[in-house]
N, C-alpha and C. Protein backbone atom coordinates (compact mmCIF):
# COMPACT_ATOMS: atom_id res chain seq x y z
N MET A 1 175.97 150.75 269.22
CA MET A 1 175.96 151.82 269.08
C MET A 1 177.56 152.32 269.08
N SER A 2 178.16 152.05 267.88
CA SER A 2 179.62 152.82 268.27
C SER A 2 179.97 154.52 268.33
N ASP A 3 178.64 155.06 267.69
CA ASP A 3 179.24 156.72 267.42
C ASP A 3 178.41 157.44 268.86
N SER A 4 178.10 156.76 269.96
CA SER A 4 176.79 156.76 270.83
C SER A 4 177.39 157.47 272.19
N TRP A 5 177.13 158.19 272.45
CA TRP A 5 177.24 159.32 273.81
C TRP A 5 176.86 158.63 275.08
N LEU A 6 177.54 159.10 275.83
CA LEU A 6 177.53 158.85 277.41
C LEU A 6 176.39 160.37 277.96
N VAL A 7 175.36 160.15 278.65
CA VAL A 7 174.86 160.97 279.44
C VAL A 7 174.92 161.21 280.96
N THR A 8 175.02 162.24 281.38
CA THR A 8 175.09 162.25 282.68
C THR A 8 174.52 163.39 283.57
N VAL A 9 174.34 163.31 284.85
CA VAL A 9 173.22 164.06 285.40
C VAL A 9 174.01 163.75 286.60
N ASP A 10 174.96 165.12 287.06
CA ASP A 10 175.75 165.03 288.15
C ASP A 10 174.52 165.62 289.49
N GLN A 11 175.28 165.85 290.92
CA GLN A 11 174.68 166.07 292.02
C GLN A 11 174.21 167.90 292.19
N ASN A 12 174.24 168.28 290.62
CA ASN A 12 174.46 169.89 291.35
C ASN A 12 172.95 170.42 290.44
N CYS A 13 172.13 169.15 290.22
CA CYS A 13 171.16 169.44 289.37
C CYS A 13 169.92 170.12 290.35
N ILE A 14 169.44 170.96 290.02
CA ILE A 14 168.50 171.83 290.95
C ILE A 14 166.82 171.75 289.90
N GLY A 15 166.63 170.52 289.47
CA GLY A 15 165.30 170.31 289.03
C GLY A 15 164.35 171.41 288.38
N SER A 16 165.41 172.26 287.45
CA SER A 16 164.38 173.00 286.65
C SER A 16 163.77 172.34 285.48
N GLY A 17 163.89 171.36 285.35
CA GLY A 17 163.41 170.30 284.11
C GLY A 17 163.52 171.08 283.21
N MET A 18 164.39 172.00 282.89
CA MET A 18 164.40 172.09 281.47
C MET A 18 165.14 171.22 279.90
N CYS A 19 165.62 170.56 280.99
CA CYS A 19 166.24 169.26 280.11
C CYS A 19 164.94 168.40 279.92
N ALA A 20 163.98 168.08 280.91
CA ALA A 20 163.31 167.40 280.08
C ALA A 20 162.13 168.16 279.05
N GLY A 21 162.00 168.94 278.84
CA GLY A 21 161.25 170.36 277.96
C GLY A 21 161.89 170.25 276.81
N ALA A 22 163.59 170.24 276.38
CA ALA A 22 164.13 170.25 275.89
C ALA A 22 164.03 169.07 275.13
N ALA A 23 164.69 167.74 275.67
CA ALA A 23 164.70 166.54 275.28
C ALA A 23 163.81 165.32 275.97
N PRO A 24 162.42 165.32 275.84
CA PRO A 24 161.56 164.52 276.65
C PRO A 24 162.00 163.12 276.55
N ASP A 25 162.33 162.76 275.44
CA ASP A 25 162.73 161.05 274.97
C ASP A 25 163.84 160.81 275.51
N HIS A 26 165.02 162.09 276.40
CA HIS A 26 165.90 161.73 277.29
C HIS A 26 166.04 162.14 278.30
N PHE A 27 165.38 162.94 278.67
CA PHE A 27 165.42 163.00 280.33
C PHE A 27 163.88 163.16 281.20
N GLU A 28 163.74 162.76 282.23
CA GLU A 28 163.13 163.20 283.36
C GLU A 28 163.01 163.29 284.26
N LEU A 29 162.38 163.65 285.08
CA LEU A 29 162.31 164.82 286.60
C LEU A 29 161.95 163.23 287.45
N MET A 30 162.89 163.25 288.57
CA MET A 30 162.35 161.84 289.22
C MET A 30 162.57 162.50 290.95
N ASP A 31 161.69 162.81 291.70
CA ASP A 31 161.88 163.20 293.15
C ASP A 31 162.34 164.73 293.08
N GLY A 32 162.12 165.48 291.73
CA GLY A 32 162.37 166.30 291.77
C GLY A 32 164.10 166.67 291.30
N TYR A 33 164.30 166.10 290.32
CA TYR A 33 165.72 166.05 289.95
C TYR A 33 165.56 165.22 288.47
N ALA A 34 166.55 166.05 287.83
CA ALA A 34 166.65 165.30 286.43
C ALA A 34 167.37 163.88 286.43
N ARG A 35 166.92 163.34 285.25
CA ARG A 35 167.78 162.03 285.55
C ARG A 35 167.88 161.26 283.79
N ALA A 36 169.09 161.30 283.50
CA ALA A 36 168.74 160.59 282.17
C ALA A 36 167.99 159.05 281.53
N ILE A 37 167.34 159.00 280.56
CA ILE A 37 166.16 158.02 280.57
C ILE A 37 167.36 156.40 280.46
N LYS A 38 168.51 156.80 279.48
CA LYS A 38 168.90 156.18 279.11
C LYS A 38 170.81 156.48 279.28
N ASP A 39 171.69 155.75 279.94
CA ASP A 39 172.91 156.70 280.17
C ASP A 39 174.07 156.68 278.91
N GLU A 40 173.47 155.63 277.71
CA GLU A 40 174.10 155.44 276.10
C GLU A 40 173.12 155.71 275.81
N VAL A 41 173.28 156.76 274.28
CA VAL A 41 172.21 157.04 273.50
C VAL A 41 172.76 157.76 272.41
N ASP A 42 172.28 157.30 271.45
CA ASP A 42 172.67 157.91 269.79
C ASP A 42 172.25 159.49 269.61
N PRO A 43 173.44 159.59 268.98
CA PRO A 43 173.75 161.20 268.74
C PRO A 43 172.11 161.91 268.69
N ASP A 44 171.86 162.96 269.20
CA ASP A 44 170.57 163.81 269.31
C ASP A 44 171.07 164.94 269.60
N GLU A 45 170.22 165.86 268.52
CA GLU A 45 170.71 167.27 268.83
C GLU A 45 170.06 167.97 270.21
N ALA A 46 168.38 166.80 270.18
CA ALA A 46 167.96 167.31 271.36
C ALA A 46 168.81 167.33 272.85
N VAL A 47 169.79 166.17 272.67
CA VAL A 47 170.65 166.26 273.93
C VAL A 47 171.44 167.22 274.32
N ILE A 48 172.09 167.51 273.43
CA ILE A 48 173.20 168.89 272.98
C ILE A 48 172.30 170.03 273.58
N ASP A 49 171.15 170.70 272.99
CA ASP A 49 170.09 171.45 273.86
C ASP A 49 169.74 171.45 274.94
N ALA A 50 169.63 170.52 275.90
CA ALA A 50 169.15 169.89 276.86
C ALA A 50 170.32 170.29 277.75
N ALA A 51 171.33 169.79 277.80
CA ALA A 51 172.89 169.99 278.45
C ALA A 51 173.35 171.61 278.25
N GLU A 52 173.03 171.93 277.24
CA GLU A 52 173.59 173.87 277.19
C GLU A 52 172.17 174.25 277.98
N SER A 53 171.27 174.10 277.76
CA SER A 53 170.25 174.96 278.68
C SER A 53 170.07 174.86 279.89
N CYS A 54 170.82 173.50 280.76
CA CYS A 54 170.95 173.33 281.65
C CYS A 54 171.27 174.93 282.68
N PRO A 55 170.61 175.03 283.35
CA PRO A 55 171.51 176.53 284.41
C PRO A 55 172.23 176.77 285.08
N VAL A 56 172.51 174.81 285.46
CA VAL A 56 173.54 174.78 286.28
C VAL A 56 174.65 173.83 286.10
N GLU A 57 174.63 173.30 284.45
CA GLU A 57 175.48 172.91 283.70
C GLU A 57 175.38 171.25 284.24
N ALA A 58 174.46 170.50 284.87
CA ALA A 58 174.65 169.23 285.58
C ALA A 58 174.88 168.17 284.67
N ILE A 59 174.71 168.77 283.46
CA ILE A 59 174.50 167.44 282.25
C ILE A 59 176.20 167.55 281.82
N LEU A 60 176.12 166.60 281.47
CA LEU A 60 177.61 166.30 280.49
C LEU A 60 177.03 164.95 279.80
N VAL A 61 178.04 165.54 278.15
CA VAL A 61 177.43 164.46 277.03
C VAL A 61 178.87 164.24 276.61
N LYS A 62 179.40 163.19 276.85
CA LYS A 62 180.56 162.80 276.03
C LYS A 62 180.34 161.45 274.73
N HIS A 63 181.61 161.48 274.19
CA HIS A 63 181.28 160.72 273.24
C HIS A 63 182.12 159.13 274.05
N ALA A 64 181.30 158.30 273.74
CA ALA A 64 181.17 156.74 274.24
C ALA A 64 183.06 156.24 274.35
N ALA A 65 183.14 156.40 272.65
CA ALA A 65 184.49 155.79 272.74
C ALA A 65 185.98 156.55 272.83
N SER A 66 185.54 157.65 273.20
CA SER A 66 187.15 158.77 273.07
C SER A 66 186.62 159.35 274.39
N GLY A 67 185.36 159.73 275.00
CA GLY A 67 185.62 160.45 276.14
C GLY A 67 185.48 161.63 275.88
N GLU A 68 185.46 161.85 275.00
CA GLU A 68 185.46 163.46 274.29
C GLU A 68 184.40 164.14 274.79
N VAL A 69 184.30 165.40 275.23
CA VAL A 69 183.24 166.61 275.74
C VAL A 69 182.37 166.68 274.65
N VAL A 70 180.75 166.70 274.57
CA VAL A 70 180.12 166.82 273.38
C VAL A 70 179.26 168.06 273.47
N ALA A 71 178.74 168.31 275.53
CA ALA A 71 178.37 168.98 275.44
C ALA A 71 178.15 169.01 277.04
N PRO A 72 177.76 170.35 278.07
CA PRO A 72 177.89 171.51 277.47
C PRO A 72 179.57 172.32 276.77
N THR A 73 179.68 172.82 276.20
CA THR A 73 180.82 173.50 275.36
C THR A 73 180.51 175.09 276.24
N ASP A 74 182.20 175.94 276.59
CA ASP A 74 182.11 177.05 276.58
C ASP A 74 181.36 178.08 275.98
């Protein structure tokens, strides 16, 4: 996965489920909170949509190689 992304969900998650709705192949709710199904993923617009739709910006998507933030953007 040379162009892969790292996906994290932090403790600010409120369990809205918006991410699981936007990208069900990448996020799931567990015990009322979101978690990434895999920490490292191939680039997918649905992951960006999930990060951008999170009401508390609990999802961070970065390029694995450089650490550059992919989403959310300001």
